[in-house]
Protein backbone atom coordinates (compact mmCIF):
# COMPACT_ATOMS: atom_id res chain seq x y z
CA MET A 1 85.78 7.49 7.99
CA ARG A 2 82.20 8.81 7.80
CA ASN A 3 83.52 12.40 8.35
CA LYS A 4 85.99 11.97 5.60
CA SER A 5 83.35 10.74 3.20
CA PHE A 6 81.09 13.71 4.19
CA TYR A 7 83.77 16.24 3.32
CA VAL A 8 84.62 14.55 0.00
CA ILE A 9 80.95 14.59 -1.00
CA ALA A 10 80.60 18.26 0.09
CA LEU A 11 83.68 19.23 -1.88
CA ILE A 12 82.33 17.46 -4.98
CA LEU A 13 79.06 19.35 -4.68
CA PHE A 14 80.78 22.58 -4.15
CA VAL A 15 82.84 22.29 -7.35
CA TYR A 16 79.67 21.15 -9.19
CA MET A 17 77.65 24.18 -8.05
CA GLN A 18 80.48 26.53 -9.00
CA GLN A 19 80.40 25.13 -12.58
CA LEU A 20 76.65 25.73 -12.72
CA HIS A 21 76.71 29.27 -11.47
CA ALA A 22 75.84 30.92 -14.74
CA ALA A 23 74.59 27.81 -16.63
CA GLY A 24 71.29 27.68 -18.49
CA GLY A 25 71.09 23.99 -19.01
CA VAL A 26 69.01 21.24 -20.68
CA PHE A 27 66.06 19.24 -19.51
CA GLN A 28 64.45 22.32 -18.02
CA PHE A 29 61.09 20.45 -17.99
CA LEU A 30 62.34 18.87 -14.74
CA ASP A 31 61.39 22.06 -13.00
CA LEU A 32 57.72 22.09 -14.01
CA PRO A 33 55.12 21.76 -11.27
CA VAL A 34 54.49 18.11 -10.42
CA SER A 35 50.83 18.50 -9.31
CA SER A 36 48.01 20.98 -9.07
CA ARG A 37 48.68 21.49 -5.39
CA MET A 38 52.35 22.17 -5.97
CA ALA A 39 51.44 24.60 -8.75
CA ALA A 40 49.03 26.43 -6.33
CA LEU A 41 51.95 26.74 -3.92
CA GLY A 42 54.23 28.40 -6.56
CA GLY A 43 55.64 25.18 -8.19
CA LYS A 44 58.28 24.79 -5.35
CA ASN A 45 57.66 23.41 -1.85
CA VAL A 46 60.27 21.08 -0.23
CA SER A 47 58.78 21.03 3.20
CA LEU A 48 55.18 19.75 3.26
CA SER A 49 54.80 16.18 4.20
CA ASP A 50 51.32 14.73 4.47
CA HIS A 51 49.24 12.26 2.48
CA ASP A 52 50.20 13.87 -0.93
CA ILE A 53 52.59 11.49 -2.52
CA ASN A 54 53.23 13.97 -5.42
CA PHE A 55 55.51 16.09 -3.22
CA ALA A 56 58.08 13.26 -3.25
CA LEU A 57 58.78 14.09 -6.94
CA LEU A 58 60.24 17.43 -5.75
CA ASN A 59 61.88 16.34 -2.49
CA PRO A 60 62.35 12.46 -2.04
CA ALA A 61 62.55 12.95 1.71
CA LEU A 62 58.92 13.88 1.70
CA LEU A 63 58.08 10.22 0.87
CA THR A 64 56.82 8.66 4.14
CA GLU A 65 54.65 5.83 5.38
CA LYS A 66 51.59 8.21 5.02
CA ALA A 67 51.79 7.54 1.25
CA ASP A 68 51.90 3.80 1.42
CA ASN A 69 50.03 2.06 -1.48
CA THR A 70 49.03 5.57 -2.85
CA ILE A 71 48.92 6.56 -6.47
CA GLY A 72 48.87 10.05 -7.92
CA LEU A 73 48.03 11.21 -11.51
CA ASN A 74 48.52 14.74 -12.69
CA MET A 75 47.72 16.42 -16.02
CA ALA A 76 48.36 19.93 -17.25
CA ASN A 77 47.51 22.31 -20.05
CA TYR A 78 50.54 24.52 -20.33
CA LEU A 79 51.33 27.53 -22.52
CA ALA A 80 50.92 27.21 -26.28
CA ASP A 81 48.87 24.03 -25.84
CA VAL A 82 51.87 22.12 -24.44
CA LYS A 83 50.73 19.12 -22.45
CA PHE A 84 52.58 17.66 -19.58
CA GLY A 85 51.89 15.42 -16.61
CA THR A 86 53.17 13.22 -13.88
CA ALA A 87 52.31 9.81 -12.26
CA ILE A 88 53.61 8.28 -9.04
CA TYR A 89 53.05 5.20 -7.01
CA GLY A 90 54.53 4.45 -3.56
CA ARG A 91 54.90 1.57 -1.09
CA SER A 92 56.39 1.20 2.35
CA TYR A 93 58.08 -1.86 3.80
CA GLY A 94 58.75 -1.37 7.45
CA LYS A 95 60.95 1.74 7.74
CA ASN A 96 61.91 1.78 4.06
CA HIS A 97 59.75 3.76 1.59
CA PHE A 98 59.84 3.38 -2.23
CA ALA A 99 58.11 5.09 -5.09
CA VAL A 100 58.28 5.06 -8.85
CA GLY A 101 57.22 8.00 -10.94
CA VAL A 102 57.25 9.40 -14.44
CA GLN A 103 57.07 12.94 -15.84
CA TYR A 104 56.42 13.72 -19.50
CA VAL A 105 55.97 16.67 -21.77
CA ASP A 106 54.34 16.63 -25.20
CA TYR A 107 54.97 19.83 -27.20
CA GLY A 108 52.70 18.70 -29.97
CA LYS A 109 53.27 18.55 -33.71
CA PHE A 110 55.26 21.13 -35.72
CA LYS A 111 55.45 21.84 -39.42
CA GLU A 112 58.79 21.05 -41.02
CA THR A 113 59.71 23.60 -43.70
CA THR A 114 62.61 24.44 -46.01
CA GLU A 115 64.46 27.74 -45.77
CA TYR A 116 61.92 28.91 -48.42
CA ASN A 117 59.00 28.20 -46.08
CA GLU A 118 57.87 25.14 -48.13
CA ILE A 119 56.12 22.59 -45.99
CA ILE A 120 57.83 19.18 -46.32
CA GLY A 121 56.36 17.30 -43.32
CA GLU A 122 55.73 17.24 -39.67
CA PHE A 123 57.69 16.38 -36.57
CA THR A 124 57.10 16.10 -32.81
CA ALA A 125 59.00 17.03 -29.64
CA LYS A 126 58.83 15.18 -26.35
CA ASP A 127 60.47 14.92 -22.93
CA VAL A 128 60.24 11.95 -20.54
CA ALA A 129 61.87 11.40 -17.09
CA MET A 130 61.45 8.51 -14.73
CA SER A 131 61.93 8.77 -10.94
CA LEU A 132 63.05 5.88 -8.68
CA ILE A 133 62.65 7.20 -5.10
CA TYR A 134 63.85 5.89 -1.72
CA SER A 135 63.46 7.42 1.68
CA ARG A 136 63.91 6.39 5.37
CA MET A 137 63.58 7.96 8.77
CA ILE A 138 67.18 8.41 10.08
CA ILE A 139 66.29 9.82 13.50
CA ASP A 140 62.91 10.75 15.04
CA GLY A 141 61.13 13.24 12.81
CA VAL A 142 63.93 13.48 10.28
CA TYR A 143 63.76 11.61 6.87
CA ALA A 144 66.42 11.32 4.27
CA GLY A 145 65.71 10.51 0.64
CA ALA A 146 67.22 10.05 -2.81
CA ALA A 147 65.79 9.83 -6.35
CA LEU A 148 67.37 8.54 -9.45
CA LYS A 149 65.92 10.08 -12.71
CA PRO A 150 66.79 8.73 -16.11
CA VAL A 151 65.86 11.35 -18.69
CA PHE A 152 65.12 11.12 -22.38
CA SER A 153 64.37 13.88 -24.88
CA ALA A 154 63.51 13.83 -28.60
CA TYR A 155 63.09 16.91 -30.75
CA GLU A 156 62.59 15.97 -34.37
CA ARG A 157 65.73 13.96 -35.25
CA TYR A 158 67.70 15.27 -32.33
CA LEU A 159 67.88 12.95 -29.39
CA SER A 160 69.49 13.28 -25.99
CA PHE A 161 69.49 11.29 -22.76
CA GLY A 162 71.03 11.61 -19.41
CA ALA A 163 70.46 11.03 -15.71
CA ALA A 164 69.94 13.10 -12.55
CA ILE A 165 69.65 12.48 -8.84
CA ASP A 166 67.87 14.35 -6.12
CA LEU A 167 69.08 14.26 -2.42
CA GLY A 168 66.81 15.54 0.26
CA VAL A 169 66.12 15.73 3.96
CA SER A 170 62.97 16.74 5.74
CA TYR A 171 61.88 17.37 9.26
CA GLN A 172 58.48 16.91 10.85
CA ASN A 173 57.64 18.24 14.25
CA PRO A 174 55.69 15.69 16.32
CA SER A 175 52.70 18.19 16.46
CA GLN A 176 52.78 18.37 12.59
CA LEU A 177 52.66 22.16 12.99
CA PHE A 178 56.19 22.75 11.74
CA GLN A 179 57.88 21.09 8.87
CA ALA A 180 61.12 21.89 7.01
CA GLY A 181 63.08 20.47 4.05
CA LEU A 182 66.32 20.80 2.09
CA VAL A 183 66.88 19.24 -1.30
CA LEU A 184 69.65 19.27 -4.05
CA ARG A 185 67.84 18.74 -7.30
CA ASN A 186 68.97 17.58 -10.69
CA ILE A 187 72.56 16.59 -9.90
CA GLY A 188 73.51 14.94 -13.11
CA THR A 189 74.72 15.03 -16.73
CA GLN A 190 73.79 14.23 -20.35
CA PHE A 191 75.19 10.98 -21.60
CA LYS A 192 74.29 11.89 -25.16
CA GLY A 193 73.98 15.38 -26.38
CA TYR A 194 71.49 16.67 -28.95
CA TYR A 195 74.27 17.12 -31.47
CA ALA A 196 78.04 16.66 -31.99
CA ASP A 197 80.62 19.07 -33.34
CA VAL A 198 84.26 18.78 -34.19
CA ASP A 199 85.15 18.26 -30.56
CA GLY A 200 82.62 15.49 -30.16
CA GLN A 201 79.29 15.40 -28.22
CA HIS A 202 78.14 18.73 -27.13
CA PHE A 203 76.97 18.53 -23.49
CA GLU A 204 75.12 21.06 -21.40
CA PRO A 205 74.45 21.18 -17.70
CA LEU A 206 71.18 20.11 -16.08
CA PRO A 207 69.08 22.67 -14.17
CA PHE A 208 70.53 22.13 -10.78
CA ASP A 209 68.74 23.78 -7.91
CA MET A 210 69.37 23.87 -4.18
CA GLN A 211 66.07 24.52 -2.32
CA LEU A 212 65.38 25.11 1.41
CA GLY A 213 61.84 25.50 2.81
CA ALA A 214 59.63 25.59 5.90
CA SER A 215 55.95 25.35 6.53
CA TYR A 216 54.06 26.29 9.68
CA LYS A 217 50.39 25.69 10.54
CA LEU A 218 48.76 27.91 13.12
CA LYS A 219 47.72 25.98 16.07
CA HIS A 220 44.33 27.61 16.61
CA ALA A 221 43.50 28.71 13.06
CA PRO A 222 43.00 26.94 9.77
CA PHE A 223 46.06 28.44 8.00
CA ARG A 224 49.40 27.14 6.91
CA PHE A 225 52.17 29.28 5.60
CA SER A 226 55.21 28.19 3.57
CA LEU A 227 58.39 29.77 2.47
CA THR A 228 60.62 28.12 -0.02
CA MET A 229 63.98 29.44 -1.03
CA HIS A 230 65.38 28.29 -4.42
CA ASN A 231 68.62 28.58 -6.49
CA LEU A 232 70.59 29.19 -3.24
CA HIS A 233 73.82 28.42 -5.13
CA ASP A 234 73.32 31.43 -7.47
CA TRP A 235 72.83 34.82 -5.77
CA ASN A 236 72.10 36.90 -9.03
CA LEU A 237 68.93 35.64 -10.71
CA ARG A 238 68.07 38.91 -12.39
CA TYR A 239 67.21 38.32 -16.06
CA VAL A 240 69.16 40.50 -18.48
CA ASP A 241 67.15 41.58 -21.45
CA ASN A 242 69.56 42.47 -24.27
CA ASN A 243 66.83 44.84 -25.73
CA ARG A 244 66.93 47.04 -22.78
CA SER A 245 69.70 49.61 -22.10
CA LEU A 246 71.94 49.86 -19.08
CA GLN A 247 70.05 53.13 -18.21
CA ASP A 248 66.77 51.18 -17.97
CA TYR A 249 68.31 48.86 -15.36
CA GLU A 250 69.81 51.75 -13.52
CA ARG A 251 66.40 53.41 -13.39
CA GLU A 252 64.86 50.08 -12.16
CA ASP A 253 67.41 49.95 -9.39
CA LEU A 254 66.62 53.55 -8.35
CA ILE A 255 62.85 52.69 -8.24
CA VAL A 256 63.57 49.56 -6.19
CA ASP A 257 65.94 51.61 -3.97
CA PHE A 258 67.55 48.51 -2.59
CA PRO A 259 68.61 46.03 -5.24
CA PHE A 260 69.71 43.57 -2.45
CA VAL A 261 66.06 43.23 -1.53
CA ASP A 262 65.06 42.49 -5.11
CA HIS A 263 67.92 39.84 -5.38
CA PHE A 264 66.88 38.24 -2.19
CA PHE A 265 63.09 37.95 -2.93
CA ARG A 266 63.86 36.46 -6.33
CA HIS A 267 64.88 33.37 -4.41
CA THR A 268 61.59 33.17 -2.53
CA VAL A 269 58.20 31.60 -3.07
CA PHE A 270 55.55 32.41 -0.39
CA GLY A 271 52.47 30.09 -0.02
CA VAL A 272 49.53 29.99 2.09
CA GLU A 273 46.77 27.41 2.59
CA PHE A 274 43.34 27.60 4.02
CA LEU A 275 42.56 24.26 5.72
CA PRO A 276 39.11 24.21 7.33
CA GLY A 277 39.22 20.35 7.41
CA LYS A 278 41.03 17.25 6.35
CA ASN A 279 39.06 16.97 3.02
CA PHE A 280 39.27 20.47 1.70
CA TYR A 281 41.93 23.19 0.99
CA ILE A 282 42.43 26.40 -0.84
CA ALA A 283 45.99 27.60 -1.65
CA ALA A 284 47.60 30.66 -3.16
CA SER A 285 51.22 31.74 -3.64
CA TYR A 286 53.56 34.44 -4.97
CA ASP A 287 56.80 33.91 -6.88
CA HIS A 288 58.68 37.19 -7.01
CA ARG A 289 61.12 36.14 -9.65
CA ARG A 290 58.36 35.23 -11.98
CA HIS A 291 56.52 38.38 -11.33
CA GLN A 292 59.58 40.57 -12.06
CA GLU A 293 60.52 38.68 -15.27
CA LEU A 294 56.98 38.52 -16.75
CA LYS A 295 55.42 41.81 -15.68
CA MET A 296 54.62 44.26 -18.45
CA ASP A 297 55.66 47.91 -18.13
CA GLY A 298 52.64 50.20 -17.86
CA PHE A 299 50.20 47.39 -17.01
CA LYS A 300 49.06 45.97 -13.62
CA SER A 301 49.87 42.25 -13.62
CA ILE A 302 49.35 39.23 -11.40
CA ALA A 303 52.18 37.36 -13.00
CA GLY A 304 53.81 35.24 -10.36
CA PHE A 305 50.58 34.49 -8.54
CA SER A 306 49.18 31.06 -8.40
CA PHE A 307 46.00 29.63 -7.00
CA GLY A 308 44.28 26.28 -6.45
CA GLY A 309 42.08 24.06 -4.31
CA GLY A 310 41.30 20.53 -3.56
CA ILE A 311 38.53 18.34 -2.18
CA LYS A 312 38.19 14.66 -1.21
CA ILE A 313 35.23 12.96 -2.59
CA SER A 314 34.74 9.41 -1.51
CA TYR A 315 38.14 7.80 -1.75
CA PHE A 316 39.57 10.29 -4.23
CA GLN A 317 41.51 13.53 -3.66
CA ILE A 318 40.84 15.88 -6.49
CA GLY A 319 42.75 19.13 -7.03
CA PHE A 320 42.93 22.06 -9.47
CA GLY A 321 45.64 24.71 -9.79
CA ILE A 322 46.29 27.66 -11.92
CA SER A 323 49.65 29.52 -12.47
CA GLN A 324 49.50 32.98 -13.93
CA PHE A 325 52.26 34.13 -16.27
CA GLN A 326 50.77 37.03 -18.22
CA VAL A 327 47.34 38.22 -19.19
CA GLY A 328 45.83 35.44 -21.28
CA ASN A 329 48.75 33.03 -20.51
CA SER A 330 47.98 30.67 -17.68
CA ALA A 331 48.83 26.99 -16.96
CA TYR A 332 46.01 24.86 -15.67
CA LEU A 333 46.68 21.60 -13.69
CA PHE A 334 44.40 18.91 -12.64
CA SER A 335 45.28 16.16 -10.13
CA ILE A 336 43.63 13.00 -8.70
CA SER A 337 45.02 10.66 -6.13
CA THR A 338 43.81 7.78 -3.97
CA SER A 339 45.06 5.13 -1.49
CA LEU A 340 44.64 1.72 -2.89
CA ASN A 341 44.36 0.51 0.74
CA ASP A 342 40.81 1.99 0.68
CA PHE A 343 39.95 -0.53 -2.05
CA ARG A 344 41.66 -3.34 -0.13
CA LEU A 345 44.20 -3.67 -2.98
């Protein structure tokens, strides 16, 4: 009976992924970095499991007893003065681990004009998602987790809401030197579209993502390396710019020599951490897809690179991260977290 249920679920997920193969989707804010450390590691890491509760917002299986009674707060200054942030709190009861989180984006105020550019008012745009997370160790070193995420979006008078779920597993070697994770993110749908047409509500897919990652810490050196593979359900992630000619892409392929290599690395995010002690870290990462899509011809660019660091001061873990998009266009993230157990709460 269990085998039959597994195959049915696998078939449903396969059909779902095929439908999303070329989809853009709504609620893209669900893919924003959830913390400064996550941003420093490229915005995607599904394998690291330590005392950082924020990682459970990306892979629910990373929620363990290490994050019991821990709270995390994260704020970001994104591009064009967009503000976003997350908050999460977790508790453990025996072998069962729970957390509740929220993610928001405030795009600010916009001027409302007529077609003749006459200002007639202002409007705002906001996105909000909640996360209800559960995880449990299923066998020694292996955790399974799930998250239910109600999503609400309001752009001027246009409203939309829906729901998504994340399903993940993680593995932690007893030595804590090797960790791995797999997650299916944003499986869900809109319940109400932003608008309706003659056929009824207009629905769009959510930004589904299948991610697989591993992290390894050197035994006799203070370095940990991470590799995360994303969008594994969609091989071709190359962005097609309609302003470029086919000849431009053919020349780019000739420069790359091996288009297969470019396709492969667009699915990867490489991260490294310097860990001289338990209370301090420095992190850096490289996202090849972001670099390829945001680099400017004729200019050297560090688009796709991210950096950050963190330090524990008293009972508080404080972190800062920066993600580079283009020259003069960076996202800055600030995080603070603490265990309420330290305050005997």
